[in-house]
Amino acid sequence: MTFHYSDLTPQHFATSIAWVSDMSAPTKWNLTTEETAILIGMDFREYLETRKMANEGQPFSLQPEVAERISLLLGIWKRLQLLGFDEETAIAVFNRPNTGELLNGKSIKLFLLESNSLAKYYAVNLYLEKIPGFKSD
């Protein structure tokens, strides 16, 4: 599936921000608000305002790179599930250190937060796709 920013609607944006906020919870990806903003490529205050607008049902748009980052995060999440992990295990895989060649002892979360480049998001998606047993859709 290819990312096409022009196909996105205000509802997509609101749903995306709600999903990221939900996944950032302490019981899931365990991200601070600041880390969540960094992960999706937004300024902290901009993220807070956008999250507020999403919660209140106000229309807004996201910058193309922010939407792309969220799309890539969703891809990572989907790939973990396609590998057969239940939600709890997929959350653990996102958070725990990985000794694979790409992550080199870092968790997916830490790898993405430290590098914070779109290329790294694509690299994680490709890395997960190449794991034996992966079934593409």
C-alpha atoms as a PDB file:
ATOM      1  CA  MET A   1       0.000   0.000   0.000  1.00  0.00           C
ATOM      2  CA  THR A   2       1.420   3.342  -1.034  1.00  0.00           C
ATOM      3  CA  PHE A   3       1.053   6.497   1.020  1.00  0.00           C
ATOM      4  CA  HIS A   4      -0.857   9.251  -0.813  1.00  0.00           C
ATOM      5  CA  TYR A   5      -1.193  12.420   1.253  1.00  0.00           C
ATOM      6  CA  SER A   6      -3.738  13.882  -1.188  1.00  0.00           C
ATOM      7  CA  ASP A   7      -6.163  11.046  -0.371  1.00  0.00           C
ATOM      8  CA  LEU A   8      -6.340  11.965   3.328  1.00  0.00           C
ATOM      9  CA  THR A   9      -9.303  13.738   4.868  1.00  0.00           C
ATOM     10  CA  PRO A  10      -9.729  15.622   8.160  1.00  0.00           C
ATOM     11  CA  GLN A  11     -11.253  12.420   9.560  1.00  0.00           C
ATOM     12  CA  HIS A  12      -8.072  10.511   8.660  1.00  0.00           C
ATOM     13  CA  PHE A  13      -6.023  13.149  10.479  1.00  0.00           C
ATOM     14  CA  ALA A  14      -8.211  13.000  13.591  1.00  0.00           C
ATOM     15  CA  THR A  15      -8.176   9.199  13.634  1.00  0.00           C
ATOM     16  CA  SER A  16      -4.395   9.175  13.176  1.00  0.00           C
ATOM     17  CA  ILE A  17      -3.773  11.507  16.101  1.00  0.00           C
ATOM     18  CA  ALA A  18      -6.201   9.541  18.287  1.00  0.00           C
ATOM     19  CA  TRP A  19      -4.413   6.282  17.386  1.00  0.00           C
ATOM     20  CA  VAL A  20      -0.967   7.717  18.141  1.00  0.00           C
ATOM     21  CA  SER A  21      -2.200   9.123  21.452  1.00  0.00           C
ATOM     22  CA  ASP A  22      -3.703   5.765  22.384  1.00  0.00           C
ATOM     23  CA  MET A  23      -0.548   3.835  21.426  1.00  0.00           C
ATOM     24  CA  SER A  24       1.601   6.254  23.439  1.00  0.00           C
ATOM     25  CA  ALA A  25      -0.092   5.255  26.695  1.00  0.00           C
ATOM     26  CA  PRO A  26       2.031   3.862  29.556  1.00  0.00           C
ATOM     27  CA  THR A  27       0.413   0.437  29.069  1.00  0.00           C
ATOM     28  CA  LYS A  28       1.383   0.373  25.394  1.00  0.00           C
ATOM     29  CA  TRP A  29       4.393   2.144  23.835  1.00  0.00           C
ATOM     30  CA  ASN A  30       5.026   4.078  27.052  1.00  0.00           C
ATOM     31  CA  LEU A  31       5.892   7.379  25.394  1.00  0.00           C
ATOM     32  CA  THR A  32       5.864  10.740  27.092  1.00  0.00           C
ATOM     33  CA  THR A  33       3.959  13.507  25.353  1.00  0.00           C
ATOM     34  CA  GLU A  34       7.297  14.972  24.280  1.00  0.00           C
ATOM     35  CA  GLU A  35       8.455  11.641  22.846  1.00  0.00           C
ATOM     36  CA  THR A  36       5.176  11.215  20.984  1.00  0.00           C
ATOM     37  CA  ALA A  37       5.599  14.647  19.403  1.00  0.00           C
ATOM     38  CA  ILE A  38       9.172  13.791  18.417  1.00  0.00           C
ATOM     39  CA  LEU A  39       8.159  10.420  16.993  1.00  0.00           C
ATOM     40  CA  ILE A  40       5.566  11.949  14.669  1.00  0.00           C
ATOM     41  CA  GLY A  41       7.696  14.965  13.810  1.00  0.00           C
ATOM     42  CA  MET A  42       5.713  17.693  15.518  1.00  0.00           C
ATOM     43  CA  ASP A  43       6.633  20.493  17.869  1.00  0.00           C
ATOM     44  CA  PHE A  44       5.460  19.728  21.417  1.00  0.00           C
ATOM     45  CA  ARG A  45       2.951  22.578  21.575  1.00  0.00           C
ATOM     46  CA  GLU A  46       1.699  21.854  18.071  1.00  0.00           C
ATOM     47  CA  TYR A  47       1.087  18.240  19.072  1.00  0.00           C
ATOM     48  CA  LEU A  48      -0.833  19.269  22.190  1.00  0.00           C
ATOM     49  CA  GLU A  49      -3.007  21.646  20.165  1.00  0.00           C
ATOM     50  CA  THR A  50      -3.599  19.084  17.438  1.00  0.00           C
ATOM     51  CA  ARG A  51      -4.505  16.397  19.979  1.00  0.00           C
ATOM     52  CA  LYS A  52      -6.939  18.822  21.620  1.00  0.00           C
ATOM     53  CA  MET A  53      -8.575  19.615  18.273  1.00  0.00           C
ATOM     54  CA  ALA A  54      -8.866  15.894  17.486  1.00  0.00           C
ATOM     55  CA  ASN A  55     -10.482  15.223  20.877  1.00  0.00           C
ATOM     56  CA  GLU A  56     -12.936  18.082  20.362  1.00  0.00           C
ATOM     57  CA  GLY A  57     -13.838  17.052  16.812  1.00  0.00           C
ATOM     58  CA  GLN A  58     -12.409  20.225  15.294  1.00  0.00           C
ATOM     59  CA  PRO A  59     -11.133  19.944  11.721  1.00  0.00           C
ATOM     60  CA  PHE A  60      -7.395  20.243  11.156  1.00  0.00           C
ATOM     61  CA  SER A  61      -4.756  18.948   8.798  1.00  0.00           C
ATOM     62  CA  LEU A  62      -1.350  17.455   9.336  1.00  0.00           C
ATOM     63  CA  GLN A  63       1.827  18.325   7.501  1.00  0.00           C
ATOM     64  CA  PRO A  64       2.620  15.678   4.867  1.00  0.00           C
ATOM     65  CA  GLU A  65       5.705  14.442   6.762  1.00  0.00           C
ATOM     66  CA  VAL A  66       3.723  14.053   9.994  1.00  0.00           C
ATOM     67  CA  ALA A  67       1.048  12.049   8.175  1.00  0.00           C
ATOM     68  CA  GLU A  68       3.752   9.928   6.551  1.00  0.00           C
ATOM     69  CA  ARG A  69       5.420   9.212   9.907  1.00  0.00           C
ATOM     70  CA  ILE A  70       2.102   8.132  11.396  1.00  0.00           C
ATOM     71  CA  SER A  71       1.469   5.948   8.351  1.00  0.00           C
ATOM     72  CA  LEU A  72       4.883   4.325   8.789  1.00  0.00           C
ATOM     73  CA  LEU A  73       4.269   3.763  12.516  1.00  0.00           C
ATOM     74  CA  LEU A  74       0.975   2.114  11.646  1.00  0.00           C
ATOM     75  CA  GLY A  75       2.863  -0.019   9.116  1.00  0.00           C
ATOM     76  CA  ILE A  76       5.316  -1.119  11.807  1.00  0.00           C
ATOM     77  CA  TRP A  77       2.414  -1.968  14.108  1.00  0.00           C
ATOM     78  CA  LYS A  78       0.651  -3.907  11.350  1.00  0.00           C
ATOM     79  CA  ARG A  79       3.833  -5.817  10.459  1.00  0.00           C
ATOM     80  CA  LEU A  80       4.267  -6.899  14.081  1.00  0.00           C
ATOM     81  CA  GLN A  81       0.740  -8.258  14.051  1.00  0.00           C
ATOM     82  CA  LEU A  82       1.255  -9.965  10.684  1.00  0.00           C
ATOM     83  CA  LEU A  83       4.213 -11.747  12.228  1.00  0.00           C
ATOM     84  CA  GLY A  84       1.667 -13.383  14.525  1.00  0.00           C
ATOM     85  CA  PHE A  85       2.213 -11.348  17.663  1.00  0.00           C
ATOM     86  CA  ASP A  86      -0.830 -10.629  19.790  1.00  0.00           C
ATOM     87  CA  GLU A  87      -1.216  -7.029  20.981  1.00  0.00           C
ATOM     88  CA  GLU A  88       0.636  -7.562  24.258  1.00  0.00           C
ATOM     89  CA  THR A  89       3.590  -9.241  22.551  1.00  0.00           C
ATOM     90  CA  ALA A  90       3.687  -6.666  19.735  1.00  0.00           C
ATOM     91  CA  ILE A  91       3.842  -3.915  22.373  1.00  0.00           C
ATOM     92  CA  ALA A  92       6.705  -5.736  24.090  1.00  0.00           C
ATOM     93  CA  VAL A  93       8.579  -6.164  20.787  1.00  0.00           C
ATOM     94  CA  PHE A  94       8.235  -2.422  20.091  1.00  0.00           C
ATOM     95  CA  ASN A  95       9.633  -1.587  23.541  1.00  0.00           C
ATOM     96  CA  ARG A  96      12.324  -4.172  24.227  1.00  0.00           C
ATOM     97  CA  PRO A  97      15.902  -4.257  22.908  1.00  0.00           C
ATOM     98  CA  ASN A  98      16.403  -6.196  19.691  1.00  0.00           C
ATOM     99  CA  THR A  99      19.710  -7.790  18.801  1.00  0.00           C
ATOM    100  CA  GLY A 100      18.980  -7.847  15.082  1.00  0.00           C
ATOM    101  CA  GLU A 101      21.424  -6.238  12.689  1.00  0.00           C
ATOM    102  CA  LEU A 102      19.378  -3.084  12.093  1.00  0.00           C
ATOM    103  CA  LEU A 103      18.431  -2.285  15.674  1.00  0.00           C
ATOM    104  CA  ASN A 104      21.736  -3.425  17.178  1.00  0.00           C
ATOM    105  CA  GLY A 105      20.504  -3.815  20.744  1.00  0.00           C
ATOM    106  CA  LYS A 106      17.964  -0.984  20.699  1.00  0.00           C
ATOM    107  CA  SER A 107      14.204  -1.233  20.833  1.00  0.00           C
ATOM    108  CA  ILE A 108      12.208  -0.105  17.822  1.00  0.00           C
ATOM    109  CA  LYS A 109      10.995   2.806  19.965  1.00  0.00           C
ATOM    110  CA  LEU A 110      14.490   3.919  20.942  1.00  0.00           C
ATOM    111  CA  PHE A 111      15.851   3.416  17.417  1.00  0.00           C
ATOM    112  CA  LEU A 112      13.160   5.692  15.963  1.00  0.00           C
ATOM    113  CA  LEU A 113      13.413   8.302  18.720  1.00  0.00           C
ATOM    114  CA  GLU A 114      17.204   8.545  18.515  1.00  0.00           C
ATOM    115  CA  SER A 115      17.513   8.797  14.765  1.00  0.00           C
ATOM    116  CA  ASN A 116      14.211  10.527  14.054  1.00  0.00           C
ATOM    117  CA  SER A 117      14.570  10.400  10.266  1.00  0.00           C
ATOM    118  CA  LEU A 118      11.986   9.087   7.823  1.00  0.00           C
ATOM    119  CA  ALA A 119      14.606   6.758   6.372  1.00  0.00           C
ATOM    120  CA  LYS A 120      14.754   4.925   9.721  1.00  0.00           C
ATOM    121  CA  TYR A 121      10.973   4.425   9.731  1.00  0.00           C
ATOM    122  CA  TYR A 122      11.182   2.876   6.260  1.00  0.00           C
ATOM    123  CA  ALA A 123      14.168   0.773   7.360  1.00  0.00           C
ATOM    124  CA  VAL A 124      12.242  -0.686  10.320  1.00  0.00           C
ATOM    125  CA  ASN A 125       9.308  -1.547   8.059  1.00  0.00           C
ATOM    126  CA  LEU A 126      11.623  -3.326   5.602  1.00  0.00           C
ATOM    127  CA  TYR A 127      13.467  -5.055   8.442  1.00  0.00           C
ATOM    128  CA  LEU A 128      10.222  -6.468   9.829  1.00  0.00           C
ATOM    129  CA  GLU A 129       9.074  -7.495   6.352  1.00  0.00           C
ATOM    130  CA  LYS A 130      12.206  -9.617   5.887  1.00  0.00           C
ATOM    131  CA  ILE A 131      11.770 -11.601   9.097  1.00  0.00           C
ATOM    132  CA  PRO A 132      11.050 -15.268   8.264  1.00  0.00           C
ATOM    133  CA  GLY A 133       7.383 -16.036   8.563  1.00  0.00           C
ATOM    134  CA  PHE A 134       6.236 -12.596   7.502  1.00  0.00           C
ATOM    135  CA  LYS A 135       3.159 -12.727   5.338  1.00  0.00           C
ATOM    136  CA  SER A 136       2.427  -9.662   3.264  1.00  0.00           C
ATOM    137  CA  ASP A 137      -1.148  -8.632   2.599  1.00  0.00           C
END
